[in-house]
């Protein structure tokens, strides 16, 4: 932090950075999502996303044994739709968790740094 920067400016930059990271986390987390499908009919509407479903694929071209666990497949081969509202909610949940963690831990870490450095 330069002398010209206030703690409010630094906090604003950190929170903006956390918003970017939260968007990445929400987007990337769908790649780790797995859904169990019990029938061929369910393959036509397979939803991914956490905590809300925001990526839906038609994977009916597959013929796996049931029940089967599926993850997002190629959007080039499986018709895919994205619901922006639930994606934004997922990003907000990630942001609240990240920002809350930072806002709670930052003063504690600063206190530990200053108290440890004074000995």
C-alpha atoms as a PDB file:
ATOM      1  CA  UNK A   1       0.000   0.000   0.000  1.00  0.00           C
ATOM      2  CA  UNK A   2       1.428   3.356  -0.946  1.00  0.00           C
ATOM      3  CA  UNK A   3       1.063   6.308   1.437  1.00  0.00           C
ATOM      4  CA  UNK A   4      -1.526   7.867  -0.914  1.00  0.00           C
ATOM      5  CA  UNK A   5      -3.815   4.823  -0.736  1.00  0.00           C
ATOM      6  CA  UNK A   6      -6.376   4.675   2.021  1.00  0.00           C
ATOM      7  CA  UNK A   7      -7.478   1.438   3.635  1.00  0.00           C
ATOM      8  CA  UNK A   8     -10.905   1.974   2.001  1.00  0.00           C
ATOM      9  CA  UNK A   9      -9.276   2.038  -1.451  1.00  0.00           C
ATOM     10  CA  UNK A  10      -7.341  -1.136  -0.696  1.00  0.00           C
ATOM     11  CA  UNK A  11     -10.465  -2.823   0.680  1.00  0.00           C
ATOM     12  CA  UNK A  12     -12.373  -1.813  -2.462  1.00  0.00           C
ATOM     13  CA  UNK A  13      -9.690  -3.276  -4.730  1.00  0.00           C
ATOM     14  CA  UNK A  14      -9.574  -6.499  -2.734  1.00  0.00           C
ATOM     15  CA  UNK A  15     -13.362  -6.874  -2.804  1.00  0.00           C
ATOM     16  CA  UNK A  16     -13.413  -6.176  -6.565  1.00  0.00           C
ATOM     17  CA  UNK A  17     -10.733  -8.818  -7.050  1.00  0.00           C
ATOM     18  CA  UNK A  18     -12.759 -11.244  -4.956  1.00  0.00           C
ATOM     19  CA  UNK A  19     -15.787 -10.576  -7.195  1.00  0.00           C
ATOM     20  CA  UNK A  20     -13.717 -11.608 -10.213  1.00  0.00           C
ATOM     21  CA  UNK A  21     -12.475 -14.734  -8.413  1.00  0.00           C
ATOM     22  CA  UNK A  22     -16.044 -15.571  -7.342  1.00  0.00           C
ATOM     23  CA  UNK A  23     -17.202 -15.409 -10.965  1.00  0.00           C
ATOM     24  CA  UNK A  24     -14.367 -17.737 -11.952  1.00  0.00           C
ATOM     25  CA  UNK A  25     -15.178 -20.130  -9.096  1.00  0.00           C
ATOM     26  CA  UNK A  26     -18.872 -20.270 -10.030  1.00  0.00           C
ATOM     27  CA  UNK A  27     -18.050 -20.855 -13.686  1.00  0.00           C
ATOM     28  CA  UNK A  28     -15.295 -23.401 -13.090  1.00  0.00           C
ATOM     29  CA  UNK A  29     -17.202 -25.303 -10.388  1.00  0.00           C
ATOM     30  CA  UNK A  30     -19.716 -26.517 -12.948  1.00  0.00           C
ATOM     31  CA  UNK A  31     -16.903 -28.526 -14.538  1.00  0.00           C
ATOM     32  CA  UNK A  32     -16.561 -30.508 -11.291  1.00  0.00           C
ATOM     33  CA  UNK A  33     -20.303 -31.108 -10.920  1.00  0.00           C
ATOM     34  CA  UNK A  34     -21.673 -34.611 -11.386  1.00  0.00           C
ATOM     35  CA  UNK A  35     -25.305 -35.608 -11.713  1.00  0.00           C
ATOM     36  CA  UNK A  36     -26.767 -39.096 -11.356  1.00  0.00           C
ATOM     37  CA  UNK A  37     -29.239 -39.966 -14.100  1.00  0.00           C
ATOM     38  CA  UNK A  38     -31.544 -42.958 -13.709  1.00  0.00           C
ATOM     39  CA  UNK A  39     -33.261 -43.104 -17.113  1.00  0.00           C
ATOM     40  CA  UNK A  40     -32.858 -42.294 -20.771  1.00  0.00           C
ATOM     41  CA  UNK A  41     -35.641 -39.729 -20.478  1.00  0.00           C
ATOM     42  CA  UNK A  42     -33.598 -37.741 -17.934  1.00  0.00           C
ATOM     43  CA  UNK A  43     -30.709 -37.458 -20.420  1.00  0.00           C
ATOM     44  CA  UNK A  44     -32.694 -34.868 -22.365  1.00  0.00           C
ATOM     45  CA  UNK A  45     -32.423 -32.313 -19.534  1.00  0.00           C
ATOM     46  CA  UNK A  46     -29.283 -32.735 -17.420  1.00  0.00           C
ATOM     47  CA  UNK A  47     -28.624 -29.755 -15.126  1.00  0.00           C
ATOM     48  CA  UNK A  48     -25.344 -28.652 -13.550  1.00  0.00           C
ATOM     49  CA  UNK A  49     -24.340 -25.910 -11.143  1.00  0.00           C
ATOM     50  CA  UNK A  50     -24.132 -25.393  -7.412  1.00  0.00           C
ATOM     51  CA  UNK A  51     -26.031 -24.284  -5.443  1.00  0.00           C
ATOM     52  CA  UNK A  52     -28.352 -23.499  -8.368  1.00  0.00           C
ATOM     53  CA  UNK A  53     -28.597 -25.253 -11.723  1.00  0.00           C
ATOM     54  CA  UNK A  54     -27.526 -22.855 -14.450  1.00  0.00           C
ATOM     55  CA  UNK A  55     -26.063 -25.103 -17.164  1.00  0.00           C
ATOM     56  CA  UNK A  56     -28.468 -27.528 -18.847  1.00  0.00           C
ATOM     57  CA  UNK A  57     -27.497 -30.036 -21.506  1.00  0.00           C
ATOM     58  CA  UNK A  58     -29.353 -32.473 -23.715  1.00  0.00           C
ATOM     59  CA  UNK A  59     -27.161 -35.576 -23.476  1.00  0.00           C
ATOM     60  CA  UNK A  60     -29.791 -37.880 -25.006  1.00  0.00           C
ATOM     61  CA  UNK A  61     -27.310 -38.953 -27.701  1.00  0.00           C
ATOM     62  CA  UNK A  62     -25.549 -40.994 -25.004  1.00  0.00           C
ATOM     63  CA  UNK A  63     -26.667 -44.514 -24.103  1.00  0.00           C
ATOM     64  CA  UNK A  64     -24.998 -45.295 -20.766  1.00  0.00           C
ATOM     65  CA  UNK A  65     -26.066 -48.053 -18.358  1.00  0.00           C
ATOM     66  CA  UNK A  66     -28.413 -46.686 -15.660  1.00  0.00           C
ATOM     67  CA  UNK A  67     -28.020 -45.265 -13.142  1.00  0.00           C
ATOM     68  CA  UNK A  68     -25.014 -43.298 -14.347  1.00  0.00           C
ATOM     69  CA  UNK A  69     -23.071 -40.260 -13.188  1.00  0.00           C
ATOM     70  CA  UNK A  70     -22.683 -37.517 -15.768  1.00  0.00           C
ATOM     71  CA  UNK A  71     -20.593 -34.383 -15.908  1.00  0.00           C
ATOM     72  CA  UNK A  72     -20.870 -31.529 -18.416  1.00  0.00           C
ATOM     73  CA  UNK A  73     -20.026 -32.715 -21.895  1.00  0.00           C
ATOM     74  CA  UNK A  74     -18.954 -30.909 -25.033  1.00  0.00           C
ATOM     75  CA  UNK A  75     -21.399 -28.132 -25.952  1.00  0.00           C
ATOM     76  CA  UNK A  76     -20.527 -28.814 -29.607  1.00  0.00           C
ATOM     77  CA  UNK A  77     -22.052 -32.291 -29.391  1.00  0.00           C
ATOM     78  CA  UNK A  78     -24.721 -31.745 -26.722  1.00  0.00           C
ATOM     79  CA  UNK A  79     -27.203 -28.873 -27.009  1.00  0.00           C
ATOM     80  CA  UNK A  80     -26.442 -26.573 -24.072  1.00  0.00           C
ATOM     81  CA  UNK A  81     -28.228 -23.659 -22.464  1.00  0.00           C
ATOM     82  CA  UNK A  82     -27.052 -21.264 -19.767  1.00  0.00           C
ATOM     83  CA  UNK A  83     -29.386 -19.491 -17.336  1.00  0.00           C
ATOM     84  CA  UNK A  84     -27.751 -16.174 -16.422  1.00  0.00           C
ATOM     85  CA  UNK A  85     -29.841 -15.518 -13.280  1.00  0.00           C
ATOM     86  CA  UNK A  86     -28.830 -18.710 -11.446  1.00  0.00           C
ATOM     87  CA  UNK A  87     -25.221 -18.251 -12.611  1.00  0.00           C
ATOM     88  CA  UNK A  88     -25.209 -14.786 -11.025  1.00  0.00           C
ATOM     89  CA  UNK A  89     -26.683 -16.232  -7.817  1.00  0.00           C
ATOM     90  CA  UNK A  90     -23.953 -18.909  -7.733  1.00  0.00           C
ATOM     91  CA  UNK A  91     -21.309 -16.204  -8.223  1.00  0.00           C
ATOM     92  CA  UNK A  92     -22.887 -14.118  -5.439  1.00  0.00           C
ATOM     93  CA  UNK A  93     -22.795 -17.093  -3.068  1.00  0.00           C
ATOM     94  CA  UNK A  94     -19.109 -17.625  -3.863  1.00  0.00           C
ATOM     95  CA  UNK A  95     -18.480 -13.879  -3.424  1.00  0.00           C
ATOM     96  CA  UNK A  96     -20.204 -13.756  -0.036  1.00  0.00           C
ATOM     97  CA  UNK A  97     -18.133 -16.715   1.146  1.00  0.00           C
ATOM     98  CA  UNK A  98     -14.849 -15.288  -0.165  1.00  0.00           C
ATOM     99  CA  UNK A  99     -15.489 -11.701   0.954  1.00  0.00           C
ATOM    100  CA  UNK A 100     -16.813 -12.836   4.331  1.00  0.00           C
ATOM    101  CA  UNK A 101     -13.753 -14.989   4.864  1.00  0.00           C
ATOM    102  CA  UNK A 102     -11.466 -12.120   3.934  1.00  0.00           C
ATOM    103  CA  UNK A 103     -13.318  -9.547   6.058  1.00  0.00           C
ATOM    104  CA  UNK A 104     -13.181 -11.879   9.059  1.00  0.00           C
ATOM    105  CA  UNK A 105      -9.614 -13.098   8.625  1.00  0.00           C
ATOM    106  CA  UNK A 106      -7.957  -9.837   7.525  1.00  0.00           C
ATOM    107  CA  UNK A 107      -8.167  -8.026  10.902  1.00  0.00           C
ATOM    108  CA  UNK A 108      -7.164 -11.209  12.732  1.00  0.00           C
ATOM    109  CA  UNK A 109      -4.134 -11.717  10.508  1.00  0.00           C
ATOM    110  CA  UNK A 110      -3.199  -8.035  10.779  1.00  0.00           C
ATOM    111  CA  UNK A 111      -3.414  -8.281  14.588  1.00  0.00           C
ATOM    112  CA  UNK A 112      -1.270 -11.416  14.613  1.00  0.00           C
ATOM    113  CA  UNK A 113       1.281  -9.772  12.339  1.00  0.00           C
ATOM    114  CA  UNK A 114       1.560  -6.642  14.483  1.00  0.00           C
ATOM    115  CA  UNK A 115       1.552  -8.473  17.825  1.00  0.00           C
ATOM    116  CA  UNK A 116       4.078 -11.028  16.594  1.00  0.00           C
ATOM    117  CA  UNK A 117       6.315  -8.307  15.162  1.00  0.00           C
ATOM    118  CA  UNK A 118       6.410  -6.342  18.426  1.00  0.00           C
ATOM    119  CA  UNK A 119       8.128  -9.157  20.345  1.00  0.00           C
END
